[in-house]
Amino acid sequence: MYQPIKWKTPLLILIFLSLSARSENRTEVRRISFEEALQLTLRNNYLIKQSDHQLQQMEQERKSAKGLYFPKISLHAGYNLMEDKIHFDLSPVRDAITPLYQTLGNYGVFSGIPNPDPATNGTMPILPENVSTQVARKKMLEGLNSVTSANWDLTIQERQFATLSAGFLWPIFTGGKINAANRASQIKYEAVTIENRQKSYELTNELIERYFGKVLAGEALAVRAEVKSTMEHHFQDAEKLQKEGQIAKVEMLNARLYWAEAEREWQKSVRQNEQLNDALLNTLATEGSYQLQPTTNLFYLDSLENIEFFYRMAIEKSPLLAQVAKKKELVNEGYKAERSGQFPTIAISGMYDIASKDLSPYLPGYMVGIGMKWNLFEGLSQNNKMKALSYQKLQVEDYYQKSSSDIHTAIHNYYQEIGMYREQLQMLDAAMELAIEYYRVRNKAFSEGMATTAQVADASLLLAKTRIDKLQAMYGYDVSLSKLLYYAGITDRYLQYIAKMGSSTPSN
């Protein structure tokens, strides 16, 4: 693995102090490691908070679906006013039997009535005919009196009445609708859990790009600052030599031109560093505005697991594929729920009268029953819905295959990209040694009057370009690794890869 040569600490301090001075609202410099930045992001970012709230919503919906297994108990209260009361007029019956009672009570002749007196019924068990007639006529007249004095217009229900009652409905067989609804709610909860993980992976990738982008910008700024300082000193040396007549004025002007160019590149790097600082603050979603100083270096690894490992991880852990799989399960449950409509729904129901005012006394105080509803024909709509769901199942299956193929291709591409960056870094190690030596030789030759200012400046810029190329290659490696882990479904292992074989920073 490439062993770094540490940056000069005073130079880095100088750069960050300069950045702080350039920003009106950023007087504070905060050091932050990638692990700390990741913890802040996953705790503070609004995308994660929104996803957590969605997960809580699905949890409540899952609990709501479980309630379908239990009876529904309700309370009913009402006040009613009808056009007229409900009554039953039996006067025709009274009029029909009144003559019979009158005739028998006045003119009827009766016999064979048992003797009700216990003292004499032993010797005379049957009353004589005249006594029997007298007793029977008396009873008939009493009956006539009851008939004529009775109310033959019965009120069944008063015009106004109020009720308070409790009822329940308990489905005991729905053909599988309730089971399908509960399985669907569970699948939705699991799908949101997977989506939550995917969002955290996406946010982690964003953080990797911005955090290590900030590292890249800071390191590049240090390179530009050193080049600017070198070009300034080189111009000052050229100016002295020109005054002493050792070099032509054009050489001095050429050195001044290179210094101005280095100044512009440094200014550009300062702006880029500020932009990346803003982007990183946005991802961290922390309050306040300050200058961030990453403490985790750009890195690369000498080797990775073989590509088959990442293919296998994608099948097992990729949230992208897992979400499509959950869609397949959800469509299957929708199909089962629709098919359950072919079966009857059976439920137990009941009602209990808690309190009432002026309610008909002929109504029962409670009732319990069992009922069934079976839709035998709905215009073939149900069959067509089931066919539509069958095609939807095929669509989801095709989408799964396409997603699997896309992920396979993405893993292959990023794995190759990582290999390309590793090769570049190995070649840049050798180029760095040559650039350092070339700059040393040119600088020495200039001091001896054997090289021009342009040759020294070109050597300095070549060294700076090689350093920045290596920084960019390391940054590309880190971002490509994050993409590879994302499509393999193991973005949460990125910290393990940072610590796996140590980290490398560009040489000085």
Protein backbone atom coordinates (compact mmCIF):
# COMPACT_ATOMS: atom_id res chain seq x y z
CA MET A 1 0.00 0.00 0.00
CA TYR A 2 1.15 3.57 -0.70
CA GLN A 3 2.72 5.15 2.35
CA PRO A 4 1.98 8.88 2.68
CA ILE A 5 4.35 11.72 3.45
CA LYS A 6 2.53 13.97 5.93
CA TRP A 7 1.49 17.49 4.96
CA LYS A 8 3.16 20.33 6.75
CA THR A 9 0.92 21.19 9.67
CA PRO A 10 1.58 24.96 9.66
CA LEU A 11 0.57 25.15 6.02
CA LEU A 12 -2.79 23.44 6.67
CA ILE A 13 -3.44 25.67 9.68
CA LEU A 14 -2.65 28.70 7.55
CA ILE A 15 -5.10 27.55 4.88
CA PHE A 16 -8.00 26.96 7.25
CA LEU A 17 -7.37 30.25 9.01
CA SER A 18 -7.44 31.91 5.62
CA LEU A 19 -10.74 30.22 4.76
CA SER A 20 -12.24 31.29 8.07
CA ALA A 21 -11.19 34.87 7.47
CA ARG A 22 -12.73 34.84 4.00
CA SER A 23 -16.15 33.77 5.30
CA GLU A 24 -18.11 36.37 7.23
CA ASN A 25 -20.35 33.86 9.06
CA ARG A 26 -17.79 31.11 9.61
CA THR A 27 -15.50 32.11 12.42
CA GLU A 28 -15.51 28.59 13.87
CA VAL A 29 -13.56 25.66 12.45
CA ARG A 30 -14.87 22.22 13.42
CA ARG A 31 -12.88 19.05 13.00
CA ILE A 32 -15.03 16.07 12.09
CA SER A 33 -14.30 12.48 11.17
CA PHE A 34 -16.28 10.58 8.57
CA GLU A 35 -17.78 8.35 11.26
CA GLU A 36 -18.96 11.40 13.23
CA ALA A 37 -20.34 12.96 10.05
CA LEU A 38 -22.24 9.75 9.26
CA GLN A 39 -23.78 9.64 12.74
CA LEU A 40 -24.88 13.27 12.45
CA THR A 41 -26.34 12.73 8.99
CA LEU A 42 -28.36 9.67 9.94
CA ARG A 43 -29.63 11.41 13.06
CA ASN A 44 -30.37 14.89 11.73
CA ASN A 45 -31.16 14.68 8.04
CA TYR A 46 -34.80 15.40 7.22
CA LEU A 47 -34.93 12.59 4.66
CA ILE A 48 -34.25 10.07 7.42
CA LYS A 49 -36.74 11.75 9.76
CA GLN A 50 -39.41 11.60 7.06
CA SER A 51 -38.64 7.94 6.47
CA ASP A 52 -38.87 7.21 10.21
CA HIS A 53 -42.28 8.89 10.36
CA GLN A 54 -43.43 6.81 7.41
CA LEU A 55 -42.29 3.68 9.22
CA GLN A 56 -44.27 4.69 12.31
CA GLN A 57 -47.31 5.26 10.07
CA MET A 58 -47.00 1.74 8.64
CA GLU A 59 -46.67 0.32 12.16
CA GLN A 60 -49.99 1.91 13.15
CA GLU A 61 -51.66 0.68 9.95
CA ARG A 62 -50.39 -2.83 10.71
CA LYS A 63 -51.97 -2.65 14.17
CA SER A 64 -55.15 -1.31 12.60
CA ALA A 65 -55.36 -4.33 10.28
CA LYS A 66 -55.11 -6.69 13.25
CA GLY A 67 -58.28 -5.08 14.63
CA LEU A 68 -60.25 -6.66 11.78
CA TYR A 69 -60.12 -9.97 13.69
CA PHE A 70 -62.14 -8.53 16.58
CA PRO A 71 -65.85 -7.70 16.80
CA LYS A 72 -67.02 -4.17 16.18
CA ILE A 73 -69.04 -2.80 19.11
CA SER A 74 -71.06 0.33 18.61
CA LEU A 75 -73.42 2.56 20.54
CA HIS A 76 -76.57 3.87 18.84
CA ALA A 77 -78.70 6.74 20.13
CA GLY A 78 -81.61 8.33 18.36
CA TYR A 79 -84.69 10.48 18.68
CA ASN A 80 -87.53 9.85 16.20
CA LEU A 81 -90.64 11.79 15.22
CA MET A 82 -93.23 10.11 12.95
CA GLU A 83 -96.15 11.61 11.06
CA ASP A 84 -98.59 9.66 13.26
CA LYS A 85 -98.42 7.01 15.90
CA ILE A 86 -98.71 3.34 14.97
CA HIS A 87 -101.91 1.82 16.40
CA PHE A 88 -104.12 -1.28 15.95
CA ASP A 89 -107.96 -0.71 16.04
CA LEU A 90 -109.80 -3.88 17.22
CA SER A 91 -113.24 -2.24 17.55
CA PRO A 92 -114.72 -4.54 14.88
CA VAL A 93 -113.82 -7.52 17.06
CA ARG A 94 -115.50 -5.87 20.05
CA ASP A 95 -118.59 -5.14 18.03
CA ALA A 96 -118.70 -8.73 16.82
CA ILE A 97 -118.57 -10.40 20.23
CA THR A 98 -120.62 -7.92 22.26
CA PRO A 99 -124.02 -9.31 21.05
CA LEU A 100 -122.93 -12.81 21.93
CA TYR A 101 -122.11 -11.81 25.49
CA GLN A 102 -125.37 -9.87 25.79
CA THR A 103 -127.49 -12.76 24.52
CA LEU A 104 -125.86 -15.43 26.61
CA GLY A 105 -125.76 -13.21 29.71
CA ASN A 106 -129.50 -12.53 29.53
CA TYR A 107 -131.09 -15.51 27.85
CA GLY A 108 -128.62 -18.37 27.91
CA VAL A 109 -129.50 -21.67 29.64
CA PHE A 110 -126.59 -23.65 31.08
CA SER A 111 -126.09 -26.95 32.88
CA GLY A 112 -123.32 -29.27 34.06
CA ILE A 113 -121.34 -26.64 35.92
CA PRO A 114 -119.21 -28.25 38.72
CA ASN A 115 -120.07 -27.30 42.29
CA PRO A 116 -117.32 -24.97 43.56
CA ASP A 117 -118.33 -25.32 47.25
CA PRO A 118 -116.07 -27.89 48.99
CA ALA A 119 -118.61 -28.39 51.77
CA THR A 120 -121.34 -29.67 49.44
CA ASN A 121 -119.56 -30.82 46.27
CA GLY A 122 -119.13 -34.25 47.76
CA THR A 123 -122.86 -34.90 47.82
CA MET A 124 -123.70 -32.63 44.92
CA PRO A 125 -120.78 -32.50 42.41
CA ILE A 126 -122.85 -30.80 39.67
CA LEU A 127 -124.96 -27.71 40.25
CA PRO A 128 -128.62 -27.84 39.34
CA GLU A 129 -129.58 -26.37 35.97
CA ASN A 130 -131.15 -23.22 37.42
CA VAL A 131 -128.10 -22.57 39.57
CA SER A 132 -125.73 -23.35 36.69
CA THR A 133 -127.64 -20.92 34.44
CA GLN A 134 -127.51 -18.22 37.08
CA VAL A 135 -123.74 -18.64 37.62
CA ALA A 136 -122.97 -18.75 33.88
CA ARG A 137 -125.13 -15.70 33.08
CA LYS A 138 -123.35 -13.75 35.83
CA LYS A 139 -119.93 -14.62 34.34
CA MET A 140 -121.09 -13.69 30.83
CA LEU A 141 -122.35 -10.31 32.03
CA GLU A 142 -119.06 -9.72 33.80
CA GLY A 143 -117.29 -10.57 30.57
CA LEU A 144 -119.59 -8.18 28.68
CA ASN A 145 -118.65 -5.45 31.10
CA SER A 146 -114.93 -6.15 30.52
CA VAL A 147 -115.43 -6.15 26.72
CA THR A 148 -117.27 -2.85 26.67
CA SER A 149 -114.89 -1.13 29.10
CA ALA A 150 -111.65 -2.36 27.44
CA ASN A 151 -109.49 -0.24 25.06
CA TRP A 152 -109.82 -1.80 21.63
CA ASP A 153 -107.64 0.79 19.86
CA LEU A 154 -104.11 -0.37 20.80
CA THR A 155 -101.08 1.96 20.40
CA ILE A 156 -98.13 -0.04 19.04
CA GLN A 157 -95.67 2.87 18.85
CA GLU A 158 -95.97 6.47 20.00
CA ARG A 159 -95.40 9.25 17.49
CA GLN A 160 -92.22 10.37 19.30
CA PHE A 161 -89.69 8.03 20.88
CA ALA A 162 -85.98 7.86 21.81
CA THR A 163 -83.62 4.90 22.05
CA LEU A 164 -80.14 4.08 23.33
CA SER A 165 -78.78 0.68 22.32
CA ALA A 166 -75.51 -1.20 21.87
CA GLY A 167 -74.72 -3.39 18.89
CA PHE A 168 -71.93 -5.63 17.69
CA LEU A 169 -70.85 -7.23 14.43
CA TRP A 170 -68.26 -10.01 14.35
CA PRO A 171 -67.19 -11.50 11.00
CA ILE A 172 -66.30 -15.13 11.53
CA PHE A 173 -65.64 -16.05 7.90
CA THR A 174 -64.69 -13.70 5.07
CA GLY A 175 -63.13 -16.07 2.58
CA GLY A 176 -59.65 -14.85 3.49
CA LYS A 177 -60.16 -11.08 3.19
CA ILE A 178 -59.04 -10.33 6.75
CA ASN A 179 -56.00 -12.58 6.54
CA ALA A 180 -55.02 -11.02 3.21
CA ALA A 181 -55.42 -7.51 4.63
CA ASN A 182 -53.17 -8.35 7.58
CA ARG A 183 -50.52 -9.95 5.40
CA ALA A 184 -50.64 -6.94 3.08
CA SER A 185 -50.17 -4.52 6.00
CA GLN A 186 -47.21 -6.58 7.23
CA ILE A 187 -45.65 -6.56 3.76
CA LYS A 188 -46.11 -2.77 3.51
CA TYR A 189 -44.42 -2.35 6.88
CA GLU A 190 -41.49 -4.51 5.76
CA ALA A 191 -41.31 -2.64 2.45
CA VAL A 192 -41.08 0.72 4.25
CA THR A 193 -38.39 -0.74 6.54
CA ILE A 194 -36.41 -1.71 3.44
CA GLU A 195 -37.08 1.68 1.85
CA ASN A 196 -35.83 3.31 5.04
CA ARG A 197 -32.59 1.35 4.71
CA GLN A 198 -32.27 2.33 1.07
CA LYS A 199 -32.72 6.02 1.92
CA SER A 200 -30.03 5.76 4.58
CA TYR A 201 -27.75 4.16 1.95
CA GLU A 202 -28.53 6.94 -0.54
CA LEU A 203 -27.82 9.55 2.11
CA THR A 204 -24.57 7.79 3.04
CA ASN A 205 -23.51 7.91 -0.61
CA GLU A 206 -24.31 11.60 -0.74
CA LEU A 207 -22.25 12.13 2.41
CA ILE A 208 -19.32 10.16 0.95
CA GLU A 209 -19.32 12.30 -2.17
CA ARG A 210 -19.50 15.56 -0.21
CA TYR A 211 -17.27 14.62 2.73
CA PHE A 212 -14.45 13.25 0.62
CA GLY A 213 -15.12 15.98 -1.92
CA LYS A 214 -14.38 18.42 0.91
CA VAL A 215 -11.23 16.44 1.72
CA LEU A 216 -10.22 16.60 -1.95
CA ALA A 217 -10.91 20.34 -2.09
CA GLY A 218 -8.90 20.97 1.09
CA GLU A 219 -5.94 18.92 -0.12
CA ALA A 220 -6.09 20.52 -3.57
CA LEU A 221 -6.23 23.94 -1.93
CA ALA A 222 -3.08 23.09 0.03
CA VAL A 223 -1.36 22.11 -3.23
CA ARG A 224 -2.50 25.34 -4.90
CA ALA A 225 -1.33 27.36 -1.88
CA GLU A 226 2.08 25.74 -2.03
CA VAL A 227 2.32 26.35 -5.79
CA LYS A 228 1.30 29.98 -5.26
CA SER A 229 3.92 30.37 -2.55
CA THR A 230 6.55 28.69 -4.70
CA MET A 231 5.75 30.85 -7.72
CA GLU A 232 5.90 33.97 -5.55
CA HIS A 233 9.33 33.05 -4.24
CA HIS A 234 10.42 32.11 -7.73
CA PHE A 235 9.29 35.52 -9.01
CA GLN A 236 11.18 37.26 -6.20
CA ASP A 237 14.32 35.28 -7.07
CA ALA A 238 13.86 36.07 -10.75
CA GLU A 239 13.39 39.75 -9.95
CA LYS A 240 16.69 39.82 -8.03
CA LEU A 241 18.52 37.99 -10.78
CA GLN A 242 17.11 40.37 -13.39
CA LYS A 243 18.24 43.39 -11.36
CA GLU A 244 21.70 41.84 -11.12
CA GLY A 245 21.67 41.33 -14.88
CA GLN A 246 21.92 37.55 -14.68
CA ILE A 247 18.65 36.92 -16.58
CA ALA A 248 16.68 38.87 -19.13
CA LYS A 249 13.67 40.96 -18.13
CA VAL A 250 11.41 38.65 -20.12
CA GLU A 251 12.36 35.81 -17.77
CA MET A 252 11.32 37.93 -14.78
CA LEU A 253 8.04 38.85 -16.46
CA ASN A 254 7.46 35.21 -17.29
CA ALA A 255 7.90 34.32 -13.61
CA ARG A 256 5.43 37.08 -12.69
CA LEU A 257 2.92 35.63 -15.16
CA TYR A 258 3.21 32.16 -13.63
CA TRP A 259 2.74 33.66 -10.15
CA ALA A 260 -0.45 35.41 -11.29
CA GLU A 261 -1.72 32.15 -12.79
CA ALA A 262 -1.01 30.33 -9.53
CA GLU A 263 -2.88 33.08 -7.66
CA ARG A 264 -5.97 32.60 -9.87
CA GLU A 265 -5.92 28.81 -9.41
CA TRP A 266 -5.65 29.29 -5.65
CA GLN A 267 -8.61 31.67 -5.63
CA LYS A 268 -10.61 29.16 -7.66
CA SER A 269 -9.77 26.41 -5.15
CA VAL A 270 -10.88 28.64 -2.27
CA ARG A 271 -14.31 29.10 -3.89
CA GLN A 272 -14.67 25.41 -4.62
CA ASN A 273 -13.78 24.61 -1.02
CA GLU A 274 -16.51 26.99 0.20
CA GLN A 275 -19.10 25.43 -2.09
CA LEU A 276 -18.27 21.92 -0.89
CA ASN A 277 -18.37 23.13 2.71
CA ASP A 278 -21.93 24.39 2.15
CA ALA A 279 -22.92 21.11 0.50
CA LEU A 280 -21.50 19.07 3.40
CA LEU A 281 -23.27 21.25 5.98
CA ASN A 282 -26.52 20.67 4.09
CA THR A 283 -26.09 16.89 4.26
CA LEU A 284 -25.21 16.99 7.95
CA ALA A 285 -28.33 19.11 8.58
CA THR A 286 -26.79 20.75 11.63
CA GLU A 287 -27.60 24.18 12.97
CA GLY A 288 -25.15 27.00 12.44
CA SER A 289 -22.64 27.81 9.73
CA TYR A 290 -18.97 27.03 10.22
CA GLN A 291 -15.92 25.78 8.40
CA LEU A 292 -15.62 21.99 8.48
CA GLN A 293 -12.23 20.34 8.69
CA PRO A 294 -12.48 16.62 7.81
CA THR A 295 -10.07 14.42 9.73
CA THR A 296 -10.58 11.21 7.72
CA ASN A 297 -8.21 11.00 4.78
CA LEU A 298 -8.87 9.94 1.24
CA PHE A 299 -7.98 6.27 1.00
CA TYR A 300 -7.66 3.28 -1.26
CA LEU A 301 -7.17 -0.43 -0.67
CA ASP A 302 -4.67 -2.75 -2.29
CA SER A 303 -7.37 -5.38 -2.89
CA LEU A 304 -11.09 -6.13 -2.56
CA GLU A 305 -13.17 -9.28 -2.41
CA ASN A 306 -13.76 -10.87 -5.79
CA ILE A 307 -16.70 -9.62 -7.81
CA GLU A 308 -18.74 -12.76 -7.12
CA PHE A 309 -18.91 -11.73 -3.48
CA PHE A 310 -20.67 -8.48 -4.42
CA TYR A 311 -23.05 -10.28 -6.79
CA ARG A 312 -24.00 -12.62 -3.96
CA MET A 313 -24.43 -9.78 -1.48
CA ALA A 314 -26.73 -7.96 -3.91
CA ILE A 315 -29.05 -10.96 -4.15
CA GLU A 316 -29.13 -11.34 -0.38
CA LYS A 317 -29.11 -7.75 0.86
CA SER A 318 -29.85 -5.21 -1.88
CA PRO A 319 -32.75 -2.99 -0.71
CA LEU A 320 -33.51 -2.22 -4.36
CA LEU A 321 -34.22 -5.87 -5.13
CA ALA A 322 -35.89 -6.42 -1.77
CA GLN A 323 -38.39 -3.65 -2.47
CA VAL A 324 -39.34 -5.22 -5.79
CA ALA A 325 -39.70 -8.58 -4.04
CA LYS A 326 -42.09 -6.97 -1.56
CA LYS A 327 -44.10 -5.57 -4.44
CA LYS A 328 -44.44 -9.11 -5.77
CA GLU A 329 -45.71 -10.30 -2.37
CA LEU A 330 -48.14 -7.38 -2.19
CA VAL A 331 -49.59 -8.16 -5.60
CA ASN A 332 -50.02 -11.82 -4.55
CA GLU A 333 -51.94 -10.75 -1.46
CA GLY A 334 -54.08 -8.43 -3.57
CA TYR A 335 -54.89 -11.38 -5.81
CA LYS A 336 -55.86 -13.51 -2.80
CA ALA A 337 -58.03 -10.71 -1.40
CA GLU A 338 -59.83 -10.33 -4.70
CA ARG A 339 -60.33 -14.09 -4.98
CA SER A 340 -61.85 -14.15 -1.50
CA GLY A 341 -64.82 -12.28 -2.97
CA GLN A 342 -65.93 -15.56 -4.51
CA PHE A 343 -66.73 -16.86 -1.03
CA PRO A 344 -69.55 -15.81 1.32
CA THR A 345 -69.08 -13.52 4.29
CA ILE A 346 -70.56 -14.85 7.54
CA ALA A 347 -70.93 -12.68 10.63
CA ILE A 348 -72.54 -12.75 14.06
CA SER A 349 -74.50 -9.65 15.00
CA GLY A 350 -76.48 -8.52 18.02
CA MET A 351 -78.31 -5.62 19.66
CA TYR A 352 -79.11 -4.76 23.27
CA ASP A 353 -81.60 -2.06 24.32
CA ILE A 354 -79.89 -0.03 27.05
CA ALA A 355 -82.53 2.65 27.57
CA SER A 356 -85.57 4.03 25.75
CA LYS A 357 -88.41 6.50 26.05
CA ASP A 358 -91.87 5.83 24.59
CA LEU A 359 -90.52 2.87 22.65
CA SER A 360 -92.98 0.13 21.76
CA PRO A 361 -93.16 -2.48 24.53
CA TYR A 362 -93.66 -5.12 21.86
CA LEU A 363 -90.05 -4.82 20.69
CA PRO A 364 -87.47 -7.22 22.24
CA GLY A 365 -84.86 -6.00 24.72
CA TYR A 366 -82.04 -7.79 22.85
CA MET A 367 -81.44 -10.00 19.87
CA VAL A 368 -78.52 -12.07 18.52
CA GLY A 369 -78.22 -13.59 15.10
CA ILE A 370 -75.91 -14.93 12.42
CA GLY A 371 -76.04 -13.81 8.81
CA MET A 372 -74.43 -14.50 5.48
CA LYS A 373 -73.77 -12.40 2.40
CA TRP A 374 -72.69 -14.03 -0.85
CA ASN A 375 -72.27 -12.07 -4.05
CA LEU A 376 -73.10 -14.60 -6.74
CA PHE A 377 -72.80 -12.36 -9.79
CA GLU A 378 -71.16 -8.95 -10.26
CA GLY A 379 -71.10 -8.61 -14.01
CA LEU A 380 -67.75 -10.47 -14.30
CA SER A 381 -65.97 -7.48 -12.74
CA GLN A 382 -64.30 -9.65 -10.14
CA ASN A 383 -62.95 -12.08 -12.72
CA ASN A 384 -61.60 -9.20 -14.76
CA LYS A 385 -59.93 -7.70 -11.69
CA MET A 386 -58.25 -11.03 -10.97
CA LYS A 387 -57.01 -11.22 -14.55
CA ALA A 388 -55.66 -7.67 -14.25
CA LEU A 389 -53.81 -8.64 -11.07
CA SER A 390 -52.36 -11.67 -12.86
CA TYR A 391 -50.87 -9.37 -15.48
CA GLN A 392 -49.60 -7.08 -12.74
CA LYS A 393 -47.81 -10.06 -11.19
CA LEU A 394 -46.09 -10.67 -14.52
CA GLN A 395 -45.11 -7.00 -14.74
CA VAL A 396 -43.54 -7.06 -11.29
CA GLU A 397 -41.68 -10.25 -12.15
CA ASP A 398 -40.30 -8.63 -15.32
CA TYR A 399 -39.35 -5.54 -13.31
CA TYR A 400 -37.52 -7.72 -10.80
CA GLN A 401 -35.54 -9.39 -13.57
CA LYS A 402 -34.70 -6.00 -15.11
CA SER A 403 -33.64 -4.56 -11.73
CA SER A 404 -31.50 -7.62 -11.05
CA SER A 405 -29.81 -7.24 -14.43
CA ASP A 406 -29.22 -3.51 -13.90
CA ILE A 407 -27.70 -4.11 -10.47
CA HIS A 408 -25.48 -6.85 -11.88
CA THR A 409 -24.26 -4.45 -14.57
CA ALA A 410 -23.72 -1.61 -12.08
CA ILE A 411 -21.66 -3.86 -9.79
CA HIS A 412 -19.54 -4.96 -12.74
CA ASN A 413 -18.97 -1.37 -13.92
CA TYR A 414 -18.06 0.03 -10.51
CA TYR A 415 -15.83 -2.93 -9.73
CA GLN A 416 -13.95 -2.26 -12.97
CA GLU A 417 -13.85 1.45 -12.16
CA ILE A 418 -12.27 0.71 -8.80
CA GLY A 419 -9.66 -1.42 -10.52
CA MET A 420 -8.98 1.41 -12.97
CA TYR A 421 -8.44 3.92 -10.15
CA ARG A 422 -6.16 1.52 -8.32
CA GLU A 423 -4.02 1.13 -11.46
CA GLN A 424 -3.92 4.91 -11.89
CA LEU A 425 -2.78 5.36 -8.30
CA GLN A 426 -0.01 2.83 -8.74
CA MET A 427 1.20 4.64 -11.86
CA LEU A 428 0.88 8.02 -10.17
CA ASP A 429 3.13 6.82 -7.34
CA ALA A 430 5.92 6.40 -9.87
CA ALA A 431 5.02 9.65 -11.63
CA MET A 432 5.16 11.48 -8.30
CA GLU A 433 8.75 10.42 -7.67
CA LEU A 434 9.76 11.55 -11.16
CA ALA A 435 7.92 14.89 -10.81
CA ILE A 436 9.61 15.60 -7.45
CA GLU A 437 13.03 14.84 -8.88
CA TYR A 438 12.35 16.82 -12.05
CA TYR A 439 11.30 19.86 -10.01
CA ARG A 440 14.40 19.60 -7.81
CA VAL A 441 16.69 19.42 -10.82
CA ARG A 442 15.01 22.34 -12.62
CA ASN A 443 15.02 24.51 -9.51
CA LYS A 444 18.72 23.86 -8.94
CA ALA A 445 19.50 24.51 -12.59
CA PHE A 446 17.68 27.86 -12.44
CA SER A 447 19.66 28.97 -9.42
CA GLU A 448 22.81 28.18 -11.39
CA GLY A 449 21.54 30.00 -14.45
CA MET A 450 21.13 26.80 -16.43
CA ALA A 451 17.30 26.84 -16.72
CA THR A 452 14.65 29.38 -17.60
CA THR A 453 11.80 30.56 -15.37
CA ALA A 454 9.37 28.81 -17.69
CA GLN A 455 11.16 25.50 -17.18
CA VAL A 456 11.06 25.89 -13.40
CA ALA A 457 7.39 26.91 -13.46
CA ASP A 458 6.49 24.01 -15.72
CA ALA A 459 8.26 21.60 -13.35
CA SER A 460 6.39 23.06 -10.38
CA LEU A 461 3.04 22.88 -12.18
CA LEU A 462 3.75 19.31 -13.30
CA LEU A 463 4.38 18.31 -9.69
CA ALA A 464 1.18 20.05 -8.60
CA LYS A 465 -0.81 18.40 -11.39
CA THR A 466 0.52 14.98 -10.40
CA ARG A 467 -0.48 15.58 -6.79
CA ILE A 468 -3.97 16.71 -7.74
CA ASP A 469 -4.36 13.84 -10.21
CA LYS A 470 -3.60 11.44 -7.39
CA LEU A 471 -6.08 13.22 -5.11
CA GLN A 472 -8.76 12.97 -7.76
CA ALA A 473 -7.97 9.31 -8.40
CA MET A 474 -8.30 8.55 -4.68
CA TYR A 475 -11.55 10.48 -4.53
CA GLY A 476 -12.85 8.58 -7.56
CA TYR A 477 -11.85 5.31 -5.85
CA ASP A 478 -13.72 6.23 -2.64
CA VAL A 479 -16.89 7.28 -4.48
CA SER A 480 -16.84 4.22 -6.76
CA LEU A 481 -16.41 1.98 -3.71
CA SER A 482 -19.48 3.59 -2.14
CA LYS A 483 -21.48 2.96 -5.33
CA LEU A 484 -20.31 -0.64 -5.44
CA LEU A 485 -21.37 -1.22 -1.84
CA TYR A 486 -24.68 0.54 -2.50
CA TYR A 487 -25.68 -1.76 -5.34
CA ALA A 488 -24.42 -4.76 -3.37
CA GLY A 489 -26.68 -3.71 -0.49
CA ILE A 490 -23.86 -3.30 2.06
CA THR A 491 -23.31 0.46 2.23
CA ASP A 492 -23.37 0.14 6.02
CA ARG A 493 -19.99 -1.61 5.75
CA TYR A 494 -18.21 1.43 4.32
CA LEU A 495 -16.62 2.29 7.66
CA GLN A 496 -15.23 -1.24 7.81
CA TYR A 497 -13.57 -0.72 4.44
CA ILE A 498 -12.04 2.57 5.63
CA ALA A 499 -10.44 0.76 8.58
CA LYS A 500 -9.88 -2.54 6.79
CA MET A 501 -6.34 -1.98 5.54
CA GLY A 502 -5.59 1.53 6.70
CA SER A 503 -5.80 4.70 4.67
CA SER A 504 -3.46 6.56 2.37
CA THR A 505 -3.06 10.23 1.63
CA PRO A 506 -1.13 11.79 -1.23
CA SER A 507 2.53 12.43 -0.82
CA ASN A 508 3.98 15.87 -0.46
